[in-house]
């Protein structure tokens, strides 16, 4: 099956850890925003950074909260 080739042996902790990393990367977007806006003085708006924040935080939360379900689905297909 294609999923076993892509994922190999995936553990539930690995899925949750990937979610944590995505969550913090999404939060780090605002650090970059603050540096660009206040330290460099560039004219940027929140709307330029919000999609990147949400693109990391939403999947990160889903991976953290649903790690058990994702693991069960992946383990059944392998």
PDB file of N, CA and C in Angstrom:
ATOM      1  N   UNK A   1       0.830  -1.178   0.000  1.00  0.00           N
ATOM      2  CA  UNK A   1       0.000   0.000   0.000  1.00  0.00           C
ATOM      3  C   UNK A   1       0.879   1.248   0.000  1.00  0.00           C
ATOM      4  N   UNK A   2       0.335   2.312  -0.488  1.00  0.00           N
ATOM      5  CA  UNK A   2       1.109   3.555  -0.603  1.00  0.00           C
ATOM      6  C   UNK A   2       1.388   4.184   0.756  1.00  0.00           C
ATOM      7  N   UNK A   3       0.455   4.056   1.710  1.00  0.00           N
ATOM      8  CA  UNK A   3       0.676   4.695   3.004  1.00  0.00           C
ATOM      9  C   UNK A   3       1.820   4.032   3.769  1.00  0.00           C
ATOM     10  N   UNK A   4       1.986   2.730   3.637  1.00  0.00           N
ATOM     11  CA  UNK A   4       3.084   2.087   4.345  1.00  0.00           C
ATOM     12  C   UNK A   4       4.426   2.477   3.745  1.00  0.00           C
ATOM     13  N   UNK A   5       4.466   2.751   2.461  1.00  0.00           N
ATOM     14  CA  UNK A   5       5.701   3.208   1.844  1.00  0.00           C
ATOM     15  C   UNK A   5       6.046   4.626   2.286  1.00  0.00           C
ATOM     16  N   UNK A   6       5.038   5.452   2.425  1.00  0.00           N
ATOM     17  CA  UNK A   6       5.283   6.842   2.793  1.00  0.00           C
ATOM     18  C   UNK A   6       5.616   6.997   4.269  1.00  0.00           C
ATOM     19  N   UNK A   7       4.934   6.282   5.115  1.00  0.00           N
ATOM     20  CA  UNK A   7       5.048   6.522   6.542  1.00  0.00           C
ATOM     21  C   UNK A   7       5.919   5.504   7.271  1.00  0.00           C
ATOM     22  N   UNK A   8       6.076   4.320   6.730  1.00  0.00           N
ATOM     23  CA  UNK A   8       6.855   3.304   7.427  1.00  0.00           C
ATOM     24  C   UNK A   8       6.224   3.001   8.765  1.00  0.00           C
ATOM     25  N   UNK A   9       7.045   2.961   9.802  1.00  0.00           N
ATOM     26  CA  UNK A   9       6.511   2.745  11.142  1.00  0.00           C
ATOM     27  C   UNK A   9       6.415   4.091  11.848  1.00  0.00           C
ATOM     28  N   UNK A  10       5.226   4.565  11.983  1.00  0.00           N
ATOM     29  CA  UNK A  10       4.984   5.858  12.621  1.00  0.00           C
ATOM     30  C   UNK A  10       4.453   5.605  14.022  1.00  0.00           C
ATOM     31  N   UNK A  11       5.040   6.276  14.990  1.00  0.00           N
ATOM     32  CA  UNK A  11       4.583   6.143  16.363  1.00  0.00           C
ATOM     33  C   UNK A  11       3.683   7.318  16.714  1.00  0.00           C
ATOM     34  N   UNK A  12       2.841   7.088  17.689  1.00  0.00           N
ATOM     35  CA  UNK A  12       1.916   8.122  18.141  1.00  0.00           C
ATOM     36  C   UNK A  12       2.678   9.323  18.691  1.00  0.00           C
ATOM     37  N   UNK A  13       3.789   9.082  19.359  1.00  0.00           N
ATOM     38  CA  UNK A  13       4.577  10.182  19.912  1.00  0.00           C
ATOM     39  C   UNK A  13       5.179  11.041  18.810  1.00  0.00           C
ATOM     40  N   UNK A  14       5.544  10.417  17.697  1.00  0.00           N
ATOM     41  CA  UNK A  14       6.118  11.163  16.577  1.00  0.00           C
ATOM     42  C   UNK A  14       5.083  12.102  15.961  1.00  0.00           C
ATOM     43  N   UNK A  15       3.856  11.631  15.888  1.00  0.00           N
ATOM     44  CA  UNK A  15       2.789  12.459  15.332  1.00  0.00           C
ATOM     45  C   UNK A  15       2.527  13.653  16.245  1.00  0.00           C
ATOM     46  N   UNK A  16       2.459  13.401  17.540  1.00  0.00           N
ATOM     47  CA  UNK A  16       2.222  14.482  18.495  1.00  0.00           C
ATOM     48  C   UNK A  16       3.392  15.465  18.511  1.00  0.00           C
ATOM     49  N   UNK A  17       4.615  14.953  18.367  1.00  0.00           N
ATOM     50  CA  UNK A  17       5.787  15.830  18.362  1.00  0.00           C
ATOM     51  C   UNK A  17       5.787  16.722  17.122  1.00  0.00           C
ATOM     52  N   UNK A  18       5.383  16.168  15.985  1.00  0.00           N
ATOM     53  CA  UNK A  18       5.282  16.981  14.768  1.00  0.00           C
ATOM     54  C   UNK A  18       4.240  18.080  14.952  1.00  0.00           C
ATOM     55  N   UNK A  19       3.151  17.773  15.633  1.00  0.00           N
ATOM     56  CA  UNK A  19       2.138  18.777  15.927  1.00  0.00           C
ATOM     57  C   UNK A  19       2.664  19.879  16.819  1.00  0.00           C
ATOM     58  N   UNK A  20       3.471  19.516  17.807  1.00  0.00           N
ATOM     59  CA  UNK A  20       4.065  20.509  18.697  1.00  0.00           C
ATOM     60  C   UNK A  20       5.017  21.426  17.941  1.00  0.00           C
ATOM     61  N   UNK A  21       5.817  20.842  17.064  1.00  0.00           N
ATOM     62  CA  UNK A  21       6.758  21.645  16.274  1.00  0.00           C
ATOM     63  C   UNK A  21       6.004  22.619  15.383  1.00  0.00           C
ATOM     64  N   UNK A  22       4.960  22.157  14.713  1.00  0.00           N
ATOM     65  CA  UNK A  22       4.171  23.052  13.863  1.00  0.00           C
ATOM     66  C   UNK A  22       3.526  24.169  14.678  1.00  0.00           C
ATOM     67  N   UNK A  23       3.024  23.826  15.852  1.00  0.00           N
ATOM     68  CA  UNK A  23       2.386  24.819  16.713  1.00  0.00           C
ATOM     69  C   UNK A  23       3.360  25.942  17.078  1.00  0.00           C
ATOM     70  N   UNK A  24       4.572  25.568  17.481  1.00  0.00           N
ATOM     71  CA  UNK A  24       5.548  26.588  17.862  1.00  0.00           C
ATOM     72  C   UNK A  24       6.095  27.362  16.661  1.00  0.00           C
ATOM     73  N   UNK A  25       6.185  26.712  15.517  1.00  0.00           N
ATOM     74  CA  UNK A  25       6.576  27.446  14.309  1.00  0.00           C
ATOM     75  C   UNK A  25       5.531  28.498  13.954  1.00  0.00           C
ATOM     76  N   UNK A  26       4.260  28.155  14.136  1.00  0.00           N
ATOM     77  CA  UNK A  26       3.201  29.128  13.894  1.00  0.00           C
ATOM     78  C   UNK A  26       3.275  30.307  14.852  1.00  0.00           C
ATOM     79  N   UNK A  27       3.672  30.043  16.081  1.00  0.00           N
ATOM     80  CA  UNK A  27       3.852  31.131  17.040  1.00  0.00           C
ATOM     81  C   UNK A  27       5.075  31.971  16.729  1.00  0.00           C
ATOM     82  N   UNK A  28       6.100  31.337  16.177  1.00  0.00           N
ATOM     83  CA  UNK A  28       7.330  32.055  15.833  1.00  0.00           C
ATOM     84  C   UNK A  28       7.112  33.055  14.706  1.00  0.00           C
ATOM     85  N   UNK A  29       6.039  32.878  13.958  1.00  0.00           N
ATOM     86  CA  UNK A  29       5.715  33.840  12.895  1.00  0.00           C
ATOM     87  C   UNK A  29       5.552  35.234  13.482  1.00  0.00           C
ATOM     88  N   UNK A  30       4.978  35.312  14.682  1.00  0.00           N
ATOM     89  CA  UNK A  30       4.750  36.626  15.285  1.00  0.00           C
ATOM     90  C   UNK A  30       6.033  37.250  15.799  1.00  0.00           C
ATOM     91  N   UNK A  31       7.004  36.437  16.136  1.00  0.00           N
ATOM     92  CA  UNK A  31       8.315  36.978  16.508  1.00  0.00           C
ATOM     93  C   UNK A  31       8.967  37.619  15.289  1.00  0.00           C
ATOM     94  N   UNK A  32       8.869  36.926  14.164  1.00  0.00           N
ATOM     95  CA  UNK A  32       9.407  37.482  12.915  1.00  0.00           C
ATOM     96  C   UNK A  32       8.669  38.764  12.544  1.00  0.00           C
ATOM     97  N   UNK A  33       7.344  38.758  12.722  1.00  0.00           N
ATOM     98  CA  UNK A  33       6.544  39.957  12.443  1.00  0.00           C
ATOM     99  C   UNK A  33       7.029  41.134  13.290  1.00  0.00           C
ATOM    100  N   UNK A  34       7.220  40.891  14.585  1.00  0.00           N
ATOM    101  CA  UNK A  34       7.652  41.968  15.481  1.00  0.00           C
ATOM    102  C   UNK A  34       9.033  42.476  15.097  1.00  0.00           C
ATOM    103  N   UNK A  35       9.938  41.571  14.741  1.00  0.00           N
ATOM    104  CA  UNK A  35      11.280  41.994  14.332  1.00  0.00           C
ATOM    105  C   UNK A  35      11.233  42.851  13.071  1.00  0.00           C
ATOM    106  N   UNK A  36      10.445  42.408  12.103  1.00  0.00           N
ATOM    107  CA  UNK A  36      10.370  43.137  10.836  1.00  0.00           C
ATOM    108  C   UNK A  36       9.703  44.488  11.018  1.00  0.00           C
ATOM    109  N   UNK A  37       8.613  44.506  11.787  1.00  0.00           N
ATOM    110  CA  UNK A  37       7.852  45.747  11.933  1.00  0.00           C
ATOM    111  C   UNK A  37       8.536  46.753  12.849  1.00  0.00           C
ATOM    112  N   UNK A  38       8.987  46.305  14.005  1.00  0.00           N
ATOM    113  CA  UNK A  38       9.471  47.256  15.001  1.00  0.00           C
ATOM    114  C   UNK A  38      10.989  47.439  14.990  1.00  0.00           C
ATOM    115  N   UNK A  39      11.724  46.390  14.694  1.00  0.00           N
ATOM    116  CA  UNK A  39      13.175  46.518  14.689  1.00  0.00           C
ATOM    117  C   UNK A  39      13.689  47.076  13.363  1.00  0.00           C
ATOM    118  N   UNK A  40      13.157  46.547  12.262  1.00  0.00           N
ATOM    119  CA  UNK A  40      13.590  47.029  10.953  1.00  0.00           C
ATOM    120  C   UNK A  40      12.768  48.210  10.452  1.00  0.00           C
ATOM    121  N   UNK A  41      11.584  48.396  11.029  1.00  0.00           N
ATOM    122  CA  UNK A  41      10.743  49.526  10.664  1.00  0.00           C
ATOM    123  C   UNK A  41      10.035  49.387   9.323  1.00  0.00           C
ATOM    124  N   UNK A  42       9.886  48.167   8.835  1.00  0.00           N
ATOM    125  CA  UNK A  42       9.196  47.968   7.563  1.00  0.00           C
ATOM    126  C   UNK A  42       7.702  48.145   7.751  1.00  0.00           C
ATOM    127  N   UNK A  43       7.030  48.521   6.681  1.00  0.00           N
ATOM    128  CA  UNK A  43       5.585  48.706   6.713  1.00  0.00           C
ATOM    129  C   UNK A  43       4.898  47.385   6.340  1.00  0.00           C
ATOM    130  N   UNK A  44       4.629  46.569   7.345  1.00  0.00           N
ATOM    131  CA  UNK A  44       3.955  45.286   7.134  1.00  0.00           C
ATOM    132  C   UNK A  44       2.687  45.267   7.964  1.00  0.00           C
ATOM    133  N   UNK A  45       1.737  44.465   7.531  1.00  0.00           N
ATOM    134  CA  UNK A  45       0.486  44.359   8.277  1.00  0.00           C
ATOM    135  C   UNK A  45       0.325  42.947   8.819  1.00  0.00           C
ATOM    136  N   UNK A  46      -0.584  42.828   9.761  1.00  0.00           N
ATOM    137  CA  UNK A  46      -0.876  41.516  10.339  1.00  0.00           C
ATOM    138  C   UNK A  46      -1.378  40.539   9.286  1.00  0.00           C
ATOM    139  N   UNK A  47      -2.115  41.055   8.319  1.00  0.00           N
ATOM    140  CA  UNK A  47      -2.689  40.185   7.285  1.00  0.00           C
ATOM    141  C   UNK A  47      -1.629  39.495   6.439  1.00  0.00           C
ATOM    142  N   UNK A  48      -0.439  40.029   6.387  1.00  0.00           N
ATOM    143  CA  UNK A  48       0.627  39.389   5.624  1.00  0.00           C
ATOM    144  C   UNK A  48       1.195  38.182   6.360  1.00  0.00           C
ATOM    145  N   UNK A  49       1.068  38.138   7.671  1.00  0.00           N
ATOM    146  CA  UNK A  49       1.647  37.061   8.456  1.00  0.00           C
ATOM    147  C   UNK A  49       0.609  36.064   8.958  1.00  0.00           C
ATOM    148  N   UNK A  50      -0.645  36.457   9.014  1.00  0.00           N
ATOM    149  CA  UNK A  50      -1.695  35.590   9.548  1.00  0.00           C
ATOM    150  C   UNK A  50      -1.844  34.270   8.784  1.00  0.00           C
ATOM    151  N   UNK A  51      -1.802  34.232   7.452  1.00  0.00           N
ATOM    152  CA  UNK A  51      -1.937  32.933   6.762  1.00  0.00           C
ATOM    153  C   UNK A  51      -0.832  31.945   7.133  1.00  0.00           C
ATOM    154  N   UNK A  52       0.388  32.423   7.313  1.00  0.00           N
ATOM    155  CA  UNK A  52       1.489  31.538   7.692  1.00  0.00           C
ATOM    156  C   UNK A  52       1.298  31.017   9.113  1.00  0.00           C
ATOM    157  N   UNK A  53       0.823  31.882   9.978  1.00  0.00           N
ATOM    158  CA  UNK A  53       0.541  31.487  11.354  1.00  0.00           C
ATOM    159  C   UNK A  53      -0.521  30.391  11.375  1.00  0.00           C
ATOM    160  N   UNK A  54      -1.618  30.636  10.688  1.00  0.00           N
ATOM    161  CA  UNK A  54      -2.711  29.666  10.691  1.00  0.00           C
ATOM    162  C   UNK A  54      -2.350  28.378   9.968  1.00  0.00           C
ATOM    163  N   UNK A  55      -1.540  28.473   8.923  1.00  0.00           N
ATOM    164  CA  UNK A  55      -1.131  27.281   8.171  1.00  0.00           C
ATOM    165  C   UNK A  55      -0.272  26.350   9.011  1.00  0.00           C
ATOM    166  N   UNK A  56       0.347  26.849  10.058  1.00  0.00           N
ATOM    167  CA  UNK A  56       1.145  25.999  10.941  1.00  0.00           C
ATOM    168  C   UNK A  56       0.385  25.626  12.213  1.00  0.00           C
ATOM    169  N   UNK A  57      -0.356  26.559  12.780  1.00  0.00           N
ATOM    170  CA  UNK A  57      -0.997  26.316  14.071  1.00  0.00           C
ATOM    171  C   UNK A  57      -2.174  25.349  13.952  1.00  0.00           C
ATOM    172  N   UNK A  58      -3.016  25.518  12.958  1.00  0.00           N
ATOM    173  CA  UNK A  58      -4.199  24.654  12.843  1.00  0.00           C
ATOM    174  C   UNK A  58      -3.812  23.190  12.631  1.00  0.00           C
ATOM    175  N   UNK A  59      -2.949  22.869  11.659  1.00  0.00           N
ATOM    176  CA  UNK A  59      -2.544  21.460  11.549  1.00  0.00           C
ATOM    177  C   UNK A  59      -1.775  20.963  12.771  1.00  0.00           C
ATOM    178  N   UNK A  60      -1.018  21.849  13.403  1.00  0.00           N
ATOM    179  CA  UNK A  60      -0.289  21.451  14.605  1.00  0.00           C
ATOM    180  C   UNK A  60      -1.218  21.037  15.727  1.00  0.00           C
ATOM    181  N   UNK A  61      -2.258  21.805  15.941  1.00  0.00           N
ATOM    182  CA  UNK A  61      -3.240  21.458  16.975  1.00  0.00           C
ATOM    183  C   UNK A  61      -3.956  20.165  16.623  1.00  0.00           C
ATOM    184  N   UNK A  62      -4.327  20.018  15.361  1.00  0.00           N
ATOM    185  CA  UNK A  62      -5.008  18.788  14.947  1.00  0.00           C
ATOM    186  C   UNK A  62      -4.114  17.567  15.125  1.00  0.00           C
ATOM    187  N   UNK A  63      -2.838  17.688  14.788  1.00  0.00           N
ATOM    188  CA  UNK A  63      -1.926  16.561  14.966  1.00  0.00           C
ATOM    189  C   UNK A  63      -1.746  16.225  16.448  1.00  0.00           C
ATOM    190  N   UNK A  64      -1.656  17.243  17.294  1.00  0.00           N
ATOM    191  CA  UNK A  64      -1.489  16.987  18.723  1.00  0.00           C
ATOM    192  C   UNK A  64      -2.732  16.344  19.326  1.00  0.00           C
ATOM    193  N   UNK A  65      -3.889  16.877  18.985  1.00  0.00           N
ATOM    194  CA  UNK A  65      -5.129  16.392  19.592  1.00  0.00           C
ATOM    195  C   UNK A  65      -5.578  15.048  19.039  1.00  0.00           C
ATOM    196  N   UNK A  66      -5.284  14.788  17.783  1.00  0.00           N
ATOM    197  CA  UNK A  66      -5.775  13.581  17.112  1.00  0.00           C
ATOM    198  C   UNK A  66      -4.666  12.580  16.834  1.00  0.00           C
ATOM    199  N   UNK A  67      -3.574  12.644  17.575  1.00  0.00           N
ATOM    200  CA  UNK A  67      -2.438  11.749  17.316  1.00  0.00           C
ATOM    201  C   UNK A  67      -2.841  10.288  17.471  1.00  0.00           C
ATOM    202  N   UNK A  68      -3.642   9.976  18.453  1.00  0.00           N
ATOM    203  CA  UNK A  68      -4.088   8.598  18.654  1.00  0.00           C
ATOM    204  C   UNK A  68      -4.931   8.099  17.498  1.00  0.00           C
ATOM    205  N   UNK A  69      -5.832   8.924  17.019  1.00  0.00           N
ATOM    206  CA  UNK A  69      -6.679   8.543  15.892  1.00  0.00           C
ATOM    207  C   UNK A  69      -5.860   8.382  14.618  1.00  0.00           C
ATOM    208  N   UNK A  70      -4.947   9.305  14.367  1.00  0.00           N
ATOM    209  CA  UNK A  70      -4.099   9.224  13.175  1.00  0.00           C
ATOM    210  C   UNK A  70      -3.228   7.977  13.246  1.00  0.00           C
ATOM    211  N   UNK A  71      -2.693   7.683  14.428  1.00  0.00           N
ATOM    212  CA  UNK A  71      -1.865   6.488  14.601  1.00  0.00           C
ATOM    213  C   UNK A  71      -2.679   5.220  14.337  1.00  0.00           C
ATOM    214  N   UNK A  72      -3.905   5.182  14.836  1.00  0.00           N
ATOM    215  CA  UNK A  72      -4.746   4.006  14.625  1.00  0.00           C
ATOM    216  C   UNK A  72      -5.056   3.805  13.151  1.00  0.00           C
ATOM    217  N   UNK A  73      -5.332   4.884  12.448  1.00  0.00           N
ATOM    218  CA  UNK A  73      -5.624   4.781  11.022  1.00  0.00           C
ATOM    219  C   UNK A  73      -4.390   4.323  10.251  1.00  0.00           C
ATOM    220  N   UNK A  74      -3.241   4.923  10.549  1.00  0.00           N
ATOM    221  CA  UNK A  74      -2.021   4.546   9.844  1.00  0.00           C
ATOM    222  C   UNK A  74      -1.591   3.120  10.155  1.00  0.00           C
ATOM    223  N   UNK A  75      -1.766   2.688  11.393  1.00  0.00           N
ATOM    224  CA  UNK A  75      -1.352   1.333  11.758  1.00  0.00           C
ATOM    225  C   UNK A  75      -2.258   0.275  11.140  1.00  0.00           C
ATOM    226  N   UNK A  76      -3.509   0.612  10.881  1.00  0.00           N
ATOM    227  CA  UNK A  76      -4.425  -0.340  10.245  1.00  0.00           C
ATOM    228  C   UNK A  76      -4.117  -0.504   8.764  1.00  0.00           C
ATOM    229  N   UNK A  77      -3.588   0.533   8.130  1.00  0.00           N
ATOM    230  CA  UNK A  77      -3.313   0.464   6.708  1.00  0.00           C
ATOM    231  C   UNK A  77      -1.941  -0.119   6.400  1.00  0.00           C
ATOM    232  N   UNK A  78      -1.117  -0.312   7.415  1.00  0.00           N
ATOM    233  CA  UNK A  78       0.235  -0.844   7.152  1.00  0.00           C
ATOM    234  C   UNK A  78       0.252  -2.345   7.202  1.00  0.00           C
TER     235      UNK A  78
END
